[in-house]
Structures are given as structure tokens and as C-alpha cells.
Amino acid sequence: MKTLLRSLVSSTIASLVLLLKPIGCKAQEAPVNMNILASVARSCQKDATDPNYYKRMDINPPDFTSVTQAIAGYQVLNLVKGCIDDRYHYSLLIKKYPWLVSTGDILPNYPGSVIVGYIATIHPPGLRMLDCVGSKDPLSKECDAMRMSISEGGRYNQFGYDPGHFPYAYYVCPRCVVAHDEVSGSQEKILQGFIQWFLSLKIPQRRAINAFLGDDAKAVQMRGMLSNESQQAAQRYEEIRAKVEQQNLEQRRNQLLGQ
């Protein structure tokens, strides 16, 4: 099984040369930033299949030993794609708002920039962020939607590995997972930290975040565009990986035939 993982990763590493070459997008698809994709693909190929990466977060690492090679290969691809989706999204967010990285934490070791990205990916309806912040009370009725959206609702390390579920912080901010799980009653405390963090920002920064996380159509569209481009990036990675594997297969066949 280790040989399988090495072959899957190494064949994809080779594809990174292609990632740097723009490939035509369909008209309805978001244009993928190939430089960002190449960067996150390299890091995701390393981290998503590394047991030590998950152990740092007190999470049981993926176990491929009890499944067939075909299933293991499918799960490895899903892990890497899930990682690419999240890390590409976060990279886009920081590219759009570079000042976010210096705005501090909502909890110790939990940057505000990460929670902004997380909230954006779940597209919450009727978030009422400004009303919630204005109340300054995470338990107020104005904060009901924010409180439900600010956290996964339980300890991250209870999720373990699920092929259909890739929590945003797993691949964007491992230390955020630890910080999240150390907080008792996490939704209330995380939301209180968010409120205090938001109020510490400069007015132009507050306006920018509201324009991104707000409830108006423009904000919803903006969040949708970032999520759509991130999904397209993960899909592009899969397409390039398949193309490289097919090329490698054809090369081996030609070598056998002396061509």
C-alpha cells in the first residue's frame, strides 16, 4: 500500500510542470490561477497523505490498509482534491484581502482570516453578521445564524477521516483545529472571539469584510465565485493528473515495443 501511495503522489508531482501552463477554460468555468494551483497542489500532495500531519491535530490519520488498491487510490485523490479546494480558496481570499493576515486572532492560534474563509465556504443564508456584532452577545437572537455557522459544532478530532467531509481548518490551519478543540462550549466562545476581533478592526476593514460576508446579493455572489473557482481548481488538478498518468502509461507501452 505504501508503494501505491508513493506512485500516486509521484505521478502527480510530475504533473506540476503542466500545472504551470494555462489550459483553456470553458466559458462558464472560473479561470483558475495556475500559479496558486501549482503551489497548493505541491503542499497538499505532501500533507494530505501524511499520517503525521493528522496526528499533529490529534486526528486519526486515513487508513488505506483495509481497502483495495482501487478504493485507496480513489480516497487518496479525494483527500488531495479536498485539500486543494480549501487551500486554493484561502489563497484566493488572502490575495483579495492581503491585510487579513495581520488582523490578529479570534482565539489564541486561531487567525481571524481563517474564520472568514470558513464562513464564506458554507454560504450561510441570513447571517446577520453586523446585527450580531452590534449586539455584542453571542447568545442573542441576532447571533443565532452566526453561532450555528461559526463552528463545526463539536470537536474537530471527533470527525476523524471521512471521505465525504473535509473541514476547512484541517488543511488550511492545523493549529486552528487544536485551538478550536481546546475551547469548551466552542460555538459561543469562538463567536465571542469573532465579535471582539471584528470590533478591533479599522472601519475600512470592517466594511470590506461585511461586503464579503454580508447578506446582500453582491456578497453572496462574491462568496460563490471564490468557492466555484476553488472547486474548478481541484477539478483541473484531477484532469491534469489523469492526463499525466495516461501519458506515463503510453510511454511504458512504447518502451516495451521499442518505440
Protein backbone atom coordinates (compact mmCIF):
# COMPACT_ATOMS: atom_id res chain seq x y z
CA MET A 1 0.00 0.00 0.00
CA LYS A 2 2.92 2.37 0.66
CA THR A 3 4.08 1.67 -2.88
CA LEU A 4 0.63 2.64 -4.13
CA LEU A 5 0.70 5.94 -2.24
CA ARG A 6 4.21 6.73 -3.46
CA SER A 7 3.26 6.06 -7.06
CA LEU A 8 0.09 8.13 -6.83
CA VAL A 9 1.91 11.08 -5.33
CA SER A 10 5.00 10.88 -7.54
CA SER A 11 2.96 10.74 -10.74
CA THR A 12 1.10 13.84 -9.65
CA ILE A 13 4.27 15.68 -8.71
CA ALA A 14 5.35 15.22 -12.30
CA SER A 15 2.13 16.87 -13.41
CA LEU A 16 3.04 20.12 -11.68
CA VAL A 17 5.09 21.06 -14.72
CA LEU A 18 1.83 21.05 -16.66
CA LEU A 19 0.01 22.95 -13.94
CA LEU A 20 2.10 25.99 -14.70
CA LYS A 21 0.85 26.03 -18.28
CA PRO A 22 -2.61 27.64 -18.64
CA ILE A 23 -5.18 25.35 -20.21
CA GLY A 24 -8.22 26.75 -21.96
CA CYS A 25 -11.27 27.10 -19.70
CA LYS A 26 -14.82 26.60 -20.75
CA ALA A 27 -16.76 29.86 -20.92
CA GLN A 28 -18.90 29.01 -17.88
CA GLU A 29 -15.93 27.99 -15.72
CA ALA A 30 -13.99 30.28 -13.41
CA PRO A 31 -10.45 30.98 -14.69
CA VAL A 32 -8.06 29.01 -12.50
CA ASN A 33 -4.91 30.73 -11.25
CA MET A 34 -2.34 28.12 -12.26
CA ASN A 35 0.42 29.52 -10.05
CA ILE A 36 -1.77 29.22 -6.96
CA LEU A 37 -2.89 25.76 -8.04
CA ALA A 38 0.69 24.56 -8.51
CA SER A 39 1.66 25.85 -5.08
CA VAL A 40 -1.24 24.33 -3.17
CA ALA A 41 -1.02 21.07 -5.13
CA ARG A 42 2.59 20.60 -4.05
CA SER A 43 1.76 21.15 -0.39
CA CYS A 44 -1.43 19.06 -0.50
CA GLN A 45 0.31 16.10 -2.11
CA LYS A 46 2.73 16.16 0.81
CA ASP A 47 0.30 16.74 3.67
CA ALA A 48 -2.96 15.02 2.72
CA THR A 49 -1.46 11.51 2.80
CA ASP A 50 1.00 12.08 5.66
CA PRO A 51 -0.16 10.40 8.92
CA ASN A 52 1.97 12.79 10.98
CA TYR A 53 0.09 15.76 9.56
CA TYR A 54 -3.16 14.48 11.09
CA LYS A 55 -1.55 13.38 14.33
CA ARG A 56 -0.49 16.99 14.94
CA MET A 57 -4.21 17.76 15.26
CA ASP A 58 -4.94 14.67 17.38
CA ILE A 59 -6.89 13.23 14.44
CA ASN A 60 -6.72 9.60 13.38
CA PRO A 61 -4.95 9.57 10.00
CA PRO A 62 -6.56 7.98 6.94
CA ASP A 63 -6.17 4.20 6.87
CA PHE A 64 -5.81 2.63 3.44
CA THR A 65 -4.58 -0.78 4.60
CA SER A 66 -8.02 -2.40 4.77
CA VAL A 67 -9.21 -1.44 1.29
CA THR A 68 -8.35 -2.45 -2.25
CA GLN A 69 -5.81 -0.52 -4.28
CA ALA A 70 -8.59 0.91 -6.48
CA ILE A 71 -10.51 2.23 -3.47
CA ALA A 72 -7.33 3.51 -1.82
CA GLY A 73 -6.39 5.35 -4.99
CA TYR A 74 -9.83 6.95 -5.13
CA GLN A 75 -9.60 8.01 -1.48
CA VAL A 76 -6.11 9.46 -1.92
CA LEU A 77 -7.33 11.52 -4.86
CA ASN A 78 -10.30 12.78 -2.84
CA LEU A 79 -8.05 13.74 0.06
CA VAL A 80 -5.71 15.74 -2.16
CA LYS A 81 -8.58 17.38 -4.05
CA GLY A 82 -10.30 18.34 -0.79
CA CYS A 83 -7.08 19.88 0.45
CA ILE A 84 -6.57 21.75 -2.84
CA ASP A 85 -10.13 23.10 -2.76
CA ASP A 86 -9.67 24.56 0.73
CA ARG A 87 -6.12 25.84 0.38
CA TYR A 88 -6.83 27.36 -3.02
CA HIS A 89 -9.89 29.12 -1.55
CA TYR A 90 -7.87 30.51 1.35
CA SER A 91 -5.11 31.65 -1.01
CA LEU A 92 -7.69 33.49 -3.13
CA LEU A 93 -9.12 35.12 -0.02
CA ILE A 94 -5.69 36.39 1.08
CA LYS A 95 -4.92 37.54 -2.46
CA LYS A 96 -8.15 39.57 -2.41
CA TYR A 97 -7.65 40.89 1.14
CA PRO A 98 -3.90 40.69 1.91
CA TRP A 99 -4.32 42.76 5.08
CA LEU A 100 -6.37 39.95 6.63
CA VAL A 101 -3.24 38.03 7.62
CA SER A 102 -2.20 40.79 10.03
CA THR A 103 -5.55 41.32 11.78
CA GLY A 104 -4.84 39.01 14.69
CA ASP A 105 -6.60 36.01 16.21
CA ILE A 106 -10.16 35.36 17.38
CA LEU A 107 -8.69 32.80 19.79
CA PRO A 108 -5.06 32.06 20.61
CA ASN A 109 -3.60 30.44 17.47
CA TYR A 110 -6.85 30.87 15.52
CA PRO A 111 -6.45 33.72 12.98
CA GLY A 112 -9.47 35.80 12.05
CA SER A 113 -8.59 35.31 8.40
CA VAL A 114 -9.31 31.58 8.69
CA ILE A 115 -12.75 32.02 10.22
CA VAL A 116 -13.64 34.49 7.46
CA GLY A 117 -12.67 31.88 4.88
CA TYR A 118 -14.54 29.14 6.68
CA ILE A 119 -17.77 31.15 6.95
CA ALA A 120 -17.50 32.07 3.27
CA THR A 121 -17.26 28.44 2.15
CA ILE A 122 -20.52 27.37 3.80
CA HIS A 123 -22.58 30.16 2.18
CA PRO A 124 -24.80 30.76 5.23
CA PRO A 125 -28.15 32.42 4.44
CA GLY A 126 -29.33 35.30 6.62
CA LEU A 127 -26.08 35.53 8.56
CA ARG A 128 -26.90 38.97 10.04
CA MET A 129 -23.24 39.47 10.90
CA LEU A 130 -23.48 43.19 11.64
CA ASP A 131 -26.57 42.73 13.83
CA CYS A 132 -24.78 40.01 15.76
CA VAL A 133 -21.62 42.05 16.26
CA GLY A 134 -23.73 45.05 17.25
CA SER A 135 -25.43 43.03 19.99
CA LYS A 136 -22.01 42.07 21.44
CA ASP A 137 -23.71 38.99 22.88
CA PRO A 138 -23.02 35.61 21.22
CA LEU A 139 -26.21 34.22 22.79
CA SER A 140 -28.51 36.95 21.45
CA LYS A 141 -31.19 36.11 18.88
CA GLU A 142 -29.33 38.33 16.39
CA CYS A 143 -26.44 35.86 16.62
CA ASP A 144 -28.42 32.66 16.06
CA ALA A 145 -27.24 32.19 12.45
CA MET A 146 -23.67 33.28 13.23
CA ARG A 147 -23.47 30.94 16.20
CA MET A 148 -24.53 27.98 14.06
CA SER A 149 -22.09 28.95 11.29
CA ILE A 150 -19.01 29.86 13.28
CA SER A 151 -18.02 26.30 14.21
CA GLU A 152 -18.49 22.69 13.17
CA GLY A 153 -20.50 22.30 16.39
CA GLY A 154 -18.27 19.70 18.02
CA ARG A 155 -14.64 18.83 18.48
CA TYR A 156 -12.77 18.53 15.22
CA ASN A 157 -10.91 15.46 16.38
CA GLN A 158 -14.23 13.64 16.71
CA PHE A 159 -14.73 13.75 12.95
CA GLY A 160 -11.66 11.68 12.10
CA TYR A 161 -11.33 10.89 8.41
CA ASP A 162 -14.48 10.86 6.32
CA PRO A 163 -14.10 10.68 2.51
CA GLY A 164 -17.11 12.98 2.13
CA HIS A 165 -16.20 15.57 4.72
CA PHE A 166 -13.20 17.88 4.66
CA PRO A 167 -13.42 20.51 7.44
CA TYR A 168 -11.88 23.77 6.22
CA ALA A 169 -9.39 24.08 9.08
CA TYR A 170 -7.96 20.57 8.54
CA TYR A 171 -5.95 21.71 5.54
CA VAL A 172 -5.89 25.49 5.95
CA CYS A 173 -4.85 25.84 9.59
CA PRO A 174 -3.95 22.77 11.69
CA ARG A 175 -3.27 24.92 14.75
CA CYS A 176 -6.82 26.26 14.45
CA VAL A 177 -8.11 22.72 14.86
CA VAL A 178 -6.20 22.39 18.13
CA ALA A 179 -7.35 25.84 19.30
CA HIS A 180 -10.97 25.00 18.39
CA ASP A 181 -10.91 21.72 20.31
CA GLU A 182 -9.36 23.29 23.38
CA VAL A 183 -12.33 25.62 23.82
CA SER A 184 -15.16 24.36 25.96
CA GLY A 185 -18.56 25.37 24.58
CA SER A 186 -16.79 26.24 21.35
CA GLN A 187 -19.58 27.92 19.39
CA GLU A 188 -20.23 30.61 22.00
CA LYS A 189 -16.57 31.27 22.76
CA ILE A 190 -15.50 31.26 19.15
CA LEU A 191 -18.29 33.68 18.27
CA GLN A 192 -17.37 35.94 21.20
CA GLY A 193 -13.80 35.93 19.92
CA PHE A 194 -15.02 36.80 16.42
CA ILE A 195 -17.11 39.71 17.72
CA GLN A 196 -14.16 41.13 19.66
CA TRP A 197 -11.87 40.61 16.67
CA PHE A 198 -14.26 42.37 14.29
CA LEU A 199 -14.65 45.34 16.64
CA SER A 200 -10.86 45.67 16.82
CA LEU A 201 -10.62 46.22 13.06
CA LYS A 202 -10.38 49.56 11.32
CA ILE A 203 -13.57 50.86 9.74
CA PRO A 204 -12.44 50.21 6.12
CA GLN A 205 -11.58 46.64 7.10
CA ARG A 206 -14.98 46.12 8.72
CA ARG A 207 -16.66 47.39 5.57
CA ALA A 208 -14.62 45.06 3.38
CA ILE A 209 -15.49 42.01 5.48
CA ASN A 210 -19.15 42.99 5.55
CA ALA A 211 -19.07 43.35 1.75
CA PHE A 212 -17.79 39.77 1.63
CA LEU A 213 -19.78 38.07 4.42
CA GLY A 214 -22.91 40.22 4.22
CA ASP A 215 -26.41 39.06 3.23
CA ASP A 216 -26.84 41.17 0.09
CA ALA A 217 -26.77 39.62 -3.38
CA LYS A 218 -23.35 41.04 -4.24
CA ALA A 219 -21.73 39.43 -1.18
CA VAL A 220 -23.42 36.10 -1.88
CA GLN A 221 -22.20 36.26 -5.48
CA MET A 222 -18.65 37.09 -4.39
CA ARG A 223 -18.53 34.14 -1.99
CA GLY A 224 -19.95 31.90 -4.69
CA MET A 225 -17.31 32.98 -7.20
CA LEU A 226 -14.45 32.15 -4.82
CA SER A 227 -15.93 28.75 -3.97
CA ASN A 228 -16.62 27.96 -7.61
CA GLU A 229 -13.07 28.82 -8.68
CA SER A 230 -11.67 26.67 -5.86
CA GLN A 231 -13.76 23.71 -6.95
CA GLN A 232 -12.67 24.25 -10.54
CA ALA A 233 -9.03 24.24 -9.39
CA ALA A 234 -9.48 20.87 -7.68
CA GLN A 235 -11.16 19.52 -10.81
CA ARG A 236 -8.35 20.86 -13.01
CA TYR A 237 -5.84 19.08 -10.81
CA GLU A 238 -7.69 15.79 -11.33
CA GLU A 239 -7.80 16.31 -15.09
CA ILE A 240 -4.08 17.07 -15.31
CA ARG A 241 -3.22 14.16 -13.05
CA ALA A 242 -5.24 11.78 -15.25
CA LYS A 243 -3.57 13.17 -18.37
CA VAL A 244 -0.08 12.67 -16.94
CA GLU A 245 -0.89 9.13 -15.81
CA GLN A 246 -2.18 8.29 -19.29
CA GLN A 247 0.98 9.74 -20.85
CA ASN A 248 3.14 7.68 -18.49
CA LEU A 249 1.18 4.54 -19.35
CA GLU A 250 1.58 5.12 -23.08
CA GLN A 251 5.30 5.77 -22.63
CA ARG A 252 5.76 2.47 -20.80
CA ARG A 253 3.85 0.64 -23.54
CA ASN A 254 6.00 2.25 -26.24
CA GLN A 255 9.17 1.29 -24.38
CA LEU A 256 8.06 -2.34 -24.30
CA LEU A 257 7.55 -2.23 -28.05
CA GLY A 258 10.83 -0.45 -28.69
CA GLN A 259 9.11 2.66 -29.95
